[in-house]
Amino acid sequence: MAAIPCGIRKINVDTDIRLAVTRNMKELFAQRPELRKSPSIGGVYALLEEKKSAFDPRVFFPPIMDTVLTGTLPDDDVALLMGRVEAGVKEAVGSLIVHFGSYGRAPLVEQKSLEDMIAFYKQ
């Protein structure tokens, strides 16, 4: 918090997101053990078990890579897992938005088109 008055506005949240998403996936399989044998997401569980020390959710995504890359939800099990992924992201980022005093400030951000951003970064 002491950094904010000094003008620092950027924070790195990647590790927080990774930890929250991986925890949420593990909790899903703990709460719903039948999903461990799901044809669509059972492979995610197998990787969670095989690589217990990993915390980057991308390590566990290969069995559902089509969904990760395209957003397509082929069945309810994948939809449930991706809901937990989304919840982990929101949990990590949402708490940081509040903690760093950014809640409610989105309307203050000037929206720019892609063309405007290209021109800005060319300068």
N, C-alpha and C. Protein backbone atom coordinates (compact mmCIF):
# COMPACT_ATOMS: atom_id res chain seq x y z
N MET A 1 0.81 -1.20 0.00
CA MET A 1 0.00 0.00 0.00
C MET A 1 0.86 1.27 0.00
N ALA A 2 2.04 1.20 0.55
CA ALA A 2 2.89 2.38 0.61
C ALA A 2 3.35 2.81 -0.78
N ALA A 3 3.29 1.89 -1.74
CA ALA A 3 3.74 2.20 -3.10
C ALA A 3 2.75 3.10 -3.83
N ILE A 4 1.48 3.04 -3.48
CA ILE A 4 0.45 3.79 -4.20
C ILE A 4 0.68 5.29 -4.14
N PRO A 5 0.93 5.89 -2.97
CA PRO A 5 1.19 7.33 -2.94
C PRO A 5 2.43 7.75 -3.72
N CYS A 6 3.32 6.81 -3.98
CA CYS A 6 4.53 7.10 -4.75
C CYS A 6 4.28 7.03 -6.25
N GLY A 7 3.07 6.70 -6.64
CA GLY A 7 2.73 6.67 -8.06
C GLY A 7 2.83 5.31 -8.71
N ILE A 8 3.12 4.28 -7.95
CA ILE A 8 3.20 2.94 -8.53
C ILE A 8 1.78 2.40 -8.67
N ARG A 9 1.42 2.05 -9.90
CA ARG A 9 0.06 1.59 -10.18
C ARG A 9 0.02 0.20 -10.79
N LYS A 10 1.17 -0.38 -11.07
CA LYS A 10 1.21 -1.70 -11.67
C LYS A 10 1.57 -2.74 -10.62
N ILE A 11 0.78 -3.79 -10.59
CA ILE A 11 1.10 -4.90 -9.70
C ILE A 11 1.08 -6.18 -10.53
N ASN A 12 1.92 -7.12 -10.17
CA ASN A 12 1.96 -8.40 -10.84
C ASN A 12 1.04 -9.37 -10.11
N VAL A 13 0.13 -9.98 -10.85
CA VAL A 13 -0.86 -10.84 -10.24
C VAL A 13 -0.79 -12.27 -10.74
N ASP A 14 0.14 -12.56 -11.63
CA ASP A 14 0.18 -13.87 -12.27
C ASP A 14 0.25 -15.02 -11.27
N THR A 15 1.15 -14.95 -10.32
CA THR A 15 1.30 -16.04 -9.36
C THR A 15 0.03 -16.20 -8.53
N ASP A 16 -0.58 -15.09 -8.12
CA ASP A 16 -1.82 -15.17 -7.35
C ASP A 16 -2.91 -15.87 -8.15
N ILE A 17 -3.01 -15.55 -9.43
CA ILE A 17 -4.02 -16.17 -10.29
C ILE A 17 -3.73 -17.66 -10.43
N ARG A 18 -2.50 -18.01 -10.69
CA ARG A 18 -2.13 -19.43 -10.86
C ARG A 18 -2.49 -20.24 -9.62
N LEU A 19 -2.14 -19.71 -8.47
CA LEU A 19 -2.42 -20.42 -7.21
C LEU A 19 -3.93 -20.58 -6.99
N ALA A 20 -4.68 -19.53 -7.22
CA ALA A 20 -6.13 -19.58 -7.00
C ALA A 20 -6.80 -20.55 -7.97
N VAL A 21 -6.41 -20.52 -9.23
CA VAL A 21 -7.02 -21.40 -10.23
C VAL A 21 -6.70 -22.86 -9.91
N THR A 22 -5.44 -23.16 -9.61
CA THR A 22 -5.05 -24.54 -9.31
C THR A 22 -5.75 -25.03 -8.04
N ARG A 23 -5.83 -24.17 -7.03
CA ARG A 23 -6.53 -24.56 -5.80
C ARG A 23 -8.00 -24.86 -6.09
N ASN A 24 -8.64 -24.02 -6.90
CA ASN A 24 -10.05 -24.23 -7.22
C ASN A 24 -10.26 -25.54 -7.98
N MET A 25 -9.34 -25.89 -8.87
CA MET A 25 -9.47 -27.15 -9.60
C MET A 25 -9.33 -28.33 -8.64
N LYS A 26 -8.35 -28.26 -7.74
CA LYS A 26 -8.16 -29.33 -6.76
C LYS A 26 -9.38 -29.47 -5.85
N GLU A 27 -9.94 -28.34 -5.44
CA GLU A 27 -11.13 -28.39 -4.59
C GLU A 27 -12.31 -29.02 -5.32
N LEU A 28 -12.46 -28.74 -6.60
CA LEU A 28 -13.55 -29.34 -7.37
C LEU A 28 -13.46 -30.86 -7.33
N PHE A 29 -12.27 -31.40 -7.60
CA PHE A 29 -12.12 -32.85 -7.61
C PHE A 29 -12.24 -33.45 -6.21
N ALA A 30 -11.90 -32.69 -5.18
CA ALA A 30 -12.08 -33.17 -3.80
C ALA A 30 -13.56 -33.20 -3.43
N GLN A 31 -14.30 -32.19 -3.87
CA GLN A 31 -15.73 -32.10 -3.56
C GLN A 31 -16.58 -33.04 -4.42
N ARG A 32 -16.12 -33.29 -5.62
CA ARG A 32 -16.88 -34.12 -6.58
C ARG A 32 -15.99 -35.25 -7.10
N PRO A 33 -15.69 -36.25 -6.26
CA PRO A 33 -14.75 -37.31 -6.64
C PRO A 33 -15.16 -38.08 -7.90
N GLU A 34 -16.43 -38.11 -8.22
CA GLU A 34 -16.87 -38.81 -9.44
C GLU A 34 -16.29 -38.18 -10.70
N LEU A 35 -15.93 -36.89 -10.62
CA LEU A 35 -15.36 -36.21 -11.78
C LEU A 35 -13.94 -36.68 -12.10
N ARG A 36 -13.32 -37.35 -11.16
CA ARG A 36 -11.96 -37.86 -11.37
C ARG A 36 -11.93 -38.86 -12.54
N LYS A 37 -13.04 -39.50 -12.79
CA LYS A 37 -13.12 -40.50 -13.86
C LYS A 37 -13.86 -39.98 -15.08
N SER A 38 -14.13 -38.70 -15.12
CA SER A 38 -14.82 -38.09 -16.25
C SER A 38 -14.00 -38.28 -17.53
N PRO A 39 -14.67 -38.70 -18.62
CA PRO A 39 -13.94 -38.84 -19.88
C PRO A 39 -13.32 -37.53 -20.37
N SER A 40 -13.94 -36.41 -20.03
CA SER A 40 -13.44 -35.13 -20.55
C SER A 40 -12.46 -34.42 -19.62
N ILE A 41 -12.62 -34.55 -18.31
CA ILE A 41 -11.72 -33.82 -17.39
C ILE A 41 -10.95 -34.73 -16.43
N GLY A 42 -11.15 -36.01 -16.54
CA GLY A 42 -10.40 -36.94 -15.69
C GLY A 42 -8.90 -36.81 -15.91
N GLY A 43 -8.50 -36.49 -17.12
CA GLY A 43 -7.08 -36.29 -17.41
C GLY A 43 -6.49 -35.11 -16.66
N VAL A 44 -7.31 -34.10 -16.43
CA VAL A 44 -6.86 -32.95 -15.64
C VAL A 44 -6.57 -33.41 -14.21
N TYR A 45 -7.48 -34.20 -13.67
CA TYR A 45 -7.27 -34.74 -12.32
C TYR A 45 -6.00 -35.59 -12.26
N ALA A 46 -5.79 -36.44 -13.27
CA ALA A 46 -4.60 -37.29 -13.29
C ALA A 46 -3.33 -36.45 -13.25
N LEU A 47 -3.31 -35.35 -13.99
CA LEU A 47 -2.14 -34.46 -13.99
C LEU A 47 -1.98 -33.74 -12.65
N LEU A 48 -3.10 -33.36 -12.03
CA LEU A 48 -3.03 -32.74 -10.70
C LEU A 48 -2.40 -33.71 -9.70
N GLU A 49 -2.73 -34.97 -9.82
CA GLU A 49 -2.17 -35.98 -8.92
C GLU A 49 -0.71 -36.28 -9.24
N GLU A 50 -0.42 -36.35 -10.53
CA GLU A 50 0.94 -36.68 -10.97
C GLU A 50 1.94 -35.57 -10.64
N LYS A 51 1.50 -34.33 -10.74
CA LYS A 51 2.39 -33.18 -10.58
C LYS A 51 1.94 -32.32 -9.40
N LYS A 52 1.93 -32.94 -8.24
CA LYS A 52 1.39 -32.29 -7.04
C LYS A 52 2.09 -30.99 -6.66
N SER A 53 3.36 -30.84 -6.99
CA SER A 53 4.08 -29.63 -6.60
C SER A 53 3.89 -28.49 -7.59
N ALA A 54 3.33 -28.77 -8.76
CA ALA A 54 3.11 -27.72 -9.76
C ALA A 54 1.93 -26.85 -9.32
N PHE A 55 2.02 -25.57 -9.61
CA PHE A 55 0.90 -24.68 -9.29
C PHE A 55 0.42 -23.88 -10.49
N ASP A 56 1.10 -24.02 -11.62
CA ASP A 56 0.69 -23.33 -12.84
C ASP A 56 -0.41 -24.16 -13.51
N PRO A 57 -1.62 -23.64 -13.61
CA PRO A 57 -2.72 -24.44 -14.16
C PRO A 57 -2.48 -24.90 -15.59
N ARG A 58 -1.60 -24.21 -16.31
CA ARG A 58 -1.33 -24.62 -17.69
C ARG A 58 -0.72 -26.02 -17.75
N VAL A 59 -0.09 -26.45 -16.67
CA VAL A 59 0.47 -27.80 -16.60
C VAL A 59 -0.64 -28.84 -16.69
N PHE A 60 -1.82 -28.49 -16.22
CA PHE A 60 -2.93 -29.44 -16.11
C PHE A 60 -3.93 -29.33 -17.27
N PHE A 61 -3.75 -28.35 -18.14
CA PHE A 61 -4.72 -28.08 -19.20
C PHE A 61 -4.64 -28.96 -20.46
N PRO A 62 -3.56 -29.70 -20.74
CA PRO A 62 -3.53 -30.44 -22.00
C PRO A 62 -4.78 -31.27 -22.32
N PRO A 63 -5.42 -31.95 -21.35
CA PRO A 63 -6.61 -32.72 -21.71
C PRO A 63 -7.80 -31.85 -22.17
N ILE A 64 -7.77 -30.57 -21.84
CA ILE A 64 -8.87 -29.69 -22.24
C ILE A 64 -8.36 -28.52 -23.08
N MET A 65 -7.26 -28.74 -23.78
CA MET A 65 -6.62 -27.65 -24.52
C MET A 65 -7.54 -27.04 -25.58
N ASP A 66 -8.39 -27.84 -26.21
CA ASP A 66 -9.33 -27.28 -27.19
C ASP A 66 -10.22 -26.22 -26.53
N THR A 67 -10.69 -26.50 -25.34
CA THR A 67 -11.52 -25.54 -24.62
C THR A 67 -10.71 -24.30 -24.25
N VAL A 68 -9.51 -24.50 -23.77
CA VAL A 68 -8.67 -23.37 -23.37
C VAL A 68 -8.40 -22.46 -24.56
N LEU A 69 -8.16 -23.05 -25.72
CA LEU A 69 -7.81 -22.25 -26.91
C LEU A 69 -9.02 -21.66 -27.62
N THR A 70 -10.15 -22.33 -27.58
CA THR A 70 -11.31 -21.88 -28.36
C THR A 70 -12.48 -21.40 -27.53
N GLY A 71 -12.51 -21.77 -26.26
CA GLY A 71 -13.64 -21.41 -25.42
C GLY A 71 -14.84 -22.33 -25.58
N THR A 72 -14.71 -23.35 -26.41
CA THR A 72 -15.79 -24.30 -26.63
C THR A 72 -15.94 -25.21 -25.41
N LEU A 73 -17.16 -25.36 -24.94
CA LEU A 73 -17.45 -26.22 -23.79
C LEU A 73 -18.18 -27.46 -24.28
N PRO A 74 -17.46 -28.57 -24.47
CA PRO A 74 -18.07 -29.74 -25.08
C PRO A 74 -19.07 -30.48 -24.20
N ASP A 75 -18.97 -30.31 -22.87
CA ASP A 75 -19.92 -30.99 -21.99
C ASP A 75 -19.98 -30.27 -20.64
N ASP A 76 -20.87 -30.76 -19.79
CA ASP A 76 -21.08 -30.12 -18.48
C ASP A 76 -19.86 -30.22 -17.57
N ASP A 77 -19.11 -31.31 -17.67
CA ASP A 77 -17.94 -31.45 -16.81
C ASP A 77 -16.89 -30.39 -17.14
N VAL A 78 -16.64 -30.17 -18.42
CA VAL A 78 -15.68 -29.15 -18.83
C VAL A 78 -16.19 -27.77 -18.42
N ALA A 79 -17.49 -27.55 -18.59
CA ALA A 79 -18.07 -26.26 -18.20
C ALA A 79 -17.89 -26.03 -16.70
N LEU A 80 -18.08 -27.07 -15.90
CA LEU A 80 -17.92 -26.96 -14.46
C LEU A 80 -16.47 -26.63 -14.09
N LEU A 81 -15.54 -27.32 -14.72
CA LEU A 81 -14.12 -27.06 -14.46
C LEU A 81 -13.74 -25.65 -14.87
N MET A 82 -14.19 -25.22 -16.04
CA MET A 82 -13.85 -23.87 -16.50
C MET A 82 -14.51 -22.80 -15.62
N GLY A 83 -15.65 -23.12 -15.06
CA GLY A 83 -16.26 -22.21 -14.09
C GLY A 83 -15.38 -22.01 -12.88
N ARG A 84 -14.72 -23.09 -12.44
CA ARG A 84 -13.79 -22.99 -11.32
C ARG A 84 -12.54 -22.20 -11.70
N VAL A 85 -12.10 -22.37 -12.94
CA VAL A 85 -10.95 -21.59 -13.43
C VAL A 85 -11.30 -20.10 -13.40
N GLU A 86 -12.45 -19.77 -13.96
CA GLU A 86 -12.90 -18.37 -13.99
C GLU A 86 -13.04 -17.81 -12.57
N ALA A 87 -13.60 -18.61 -11.68
CA ALA A 87 -13.77 -18.15 -10.29
C ALA A 87 -12.43 -17.86 -9.64
N GLY A 88 -11.42 -18.69 -9.94
CA GLY A 88 -10.09 -18.46 -9.38
C GLY A 88 -9.48 -17.15 -9.86
N VAL A 89 -9.66 -16.87 -11.14
CA VAL A 89 -9.15 -15.61 -11.69
C VAL A 89 -9.85 -14.43 -11.03
N LYS A 90 -11.17 -14.50 -10.96
CA LYS A 90 -11.93 -13.40 -10.36
C LYS A 90 -11.57 -13.21 -8.89
N GLU A 91 -11.39 -14.31 -8.19
CA GLU A 91 -11.04 -14.25 -6.77
C GLU A 91 -9.71 -13.53 -6.57
N ALA A 92 -8.72 -13.92 -7.33
CA ALA A 92 -7.39 -13.32 -7.18
C ALA A 92 -7.38 -11.86 -7.60
N VAL A 93 -7.91 -11.58 -8.77
CA VAL A 93 -7.86 -10.22 -9.30
C VAL A 93 -8.83 -9.31 -8.54
N GLY A 94 -10.00 -9.82 -8.24
CA GLY A 94 -11.00 -9.01 -7.53
C GLY A 94 -10.52 -8.52 -6.18
N SER A 95 -9.89 -9.40 -5.42
CA SER A 95 -9.42 -8.98 -4.10
C SER A 95 -8.30 -7.94 -4.23
N LEU A 96 -7.46 -8.09 -5.25
CA LEU A 96 -6.40 -7.10 -5.45
C LEU A 96 -6.95 -5.76 -5.91
N ILE A 97 -7.98 -5.77 -6.73
CA ILE A 97 -8.61 -4.52 -7.18
C ILE A 97 -9.11 -3.74 -5.97
N VAL A 98 -9.76 -4.45 -5.06
CA VAL A 98 -10.27 -3.79 -3.85
C VAL A 98 -9.11 -3.35 -2.96
N HIS A 99 -8.16 -4.24 -2.74
CA HIS A 99 -7.04 -3.95 -1.83
C HIS A 99 -6.23 -2.73 -2.29
N PHE A 100 -6.06 -2.58 -3.58
CA PHE A 100 -5.25 -1.48 -4.10
C PHE A 100 -6.06 -0.24 -4.46
N GLY A 101 -7.32 -0.21 -4.05
CA GLY A 101 -8.11 1.00 -4.22
C GLY A 101 -8.58 1.28 -5.64
N SER A 102 -8.69 0.26 -6.45
CA SER A 102 -9.10 0.47 -7.84
C SER A 102 -10.57 0.17 -8.08
N TYR A 103 -11.28 -0.31 -7.07
CA TYR A 103 -12.70 -0.64 -7.23
C TYR A 103 -13.48 0.60 -7.65
N GLY A 104 -14.30 0.46 -8.68
CA GLY A 104 -15.14 1.56 -9.15
C GLY A 104 -14.44 2.54 -10.07
N ARG A 105 -13.21 2.29 -10.41
CA ARG A 105 -12.45 3.25 -11.24
C ARG A 105 -12.48 2.92 -12.73
N ALA A 106 -13.06 1.81 -13.12
CA ALA A 106 -13.08 1.44 -14.54
C ALA A 106 -13.67 2.52 -15.43
N PRO A 107 -14.74 3.20 -15.00
CA PRO A 107 -15.29 4.25 -15.87
C PRO A 107 -14.32 5.41 -16.11
N LEU A 108 -13.30 5.53 -15.30
CA LEU A 108 -12.33 6.61 -15.45
C LEU A 108 -11.27 6.30 -16.50
N VAL A 109 -11.21 5.05 -16.92
CA VAL A 109 -10.19 4.64 -17.90
C VAL A 109 -10.65 5.08 -19.28
N GLU A 110 -9.77 5.79 -19.97
CA GLU A 110 -10.09 6.26 -21.31
C GLU A 110 -9.97 5.08 -22.27
N GLN A 111 -11.05 4.80 -22.96
CA GLN A 111 -11.03 3.70 -23.92
C GLN A 111 -10.39 4.16 -25.21
N LYS A 112 -9.54 3.29 -25.75
CA LYS A 112 -8.86 3.61 -27.00
C LYS A 112 -9.06 2.44 -27.96
N SER A 113 -9.14 2.78 -29.22
CA SER A 113 -9.27 1.75 -30.24
C SER A 113 -7.91 1.09 -30.46
N LEU A 114 -7.91 -0.03 -31.14
CA LEU A 114 -6.66 -0.70 -31.46
C LEU A 114 -5.77 0.21 -32.31
N GLU A 115 -6.38 0.94 -33.22
CA GLU A 115 -5.62 1.87 -34.06
C GLU A 115 -4.97 2.96 -33.21
N ASP A 116 -5.71 3.47 -32.21
CA ASP A 116 -5.15 4.47 -31.31
C ASP A 116 -3.95 3.91 -30.53
N MET A 117 -4.08 2.66 -30.09
CA MET A 117 -2.99 2.04 -29.33
C MET A 117 -1.76 1.82 -30.21
N ILE A 118 -1.98 1.42 -31.45
CA ILE A 118 -0.86 1.25 -32.37
C ILE A 118 -0.13 2.56 -32.57
N ALA A 119 -0.90 3.62 -32.79
CA ALA A 119 -0.30 4.95 -32.99
C ALA A 119 0.46 5.38 -31.73
N PHE A 120 -0.12 5.13 -30.54
CA PHE A 120 0.51 5.50 -29.29
C PHE A 120 1.86 4.81 -29.13
N TYR A 121 1.91 3.51 -29.40
CA TYR A 121 3.15 2.76 -29.20
C TYR A 121 4.18 2.99 -30.30
N LYS A 122 3.76 3.55 -31.42
CA LYS A 122 4.73 3.90 -32.46
C LYS A 122 5.51 5.15 -32.09
N GLN A 123 4.95 5.99 -31.22
CA GLN A 123 5.58 7.25 -30.83
C GLN A 123 6.82 7.04 -30.02
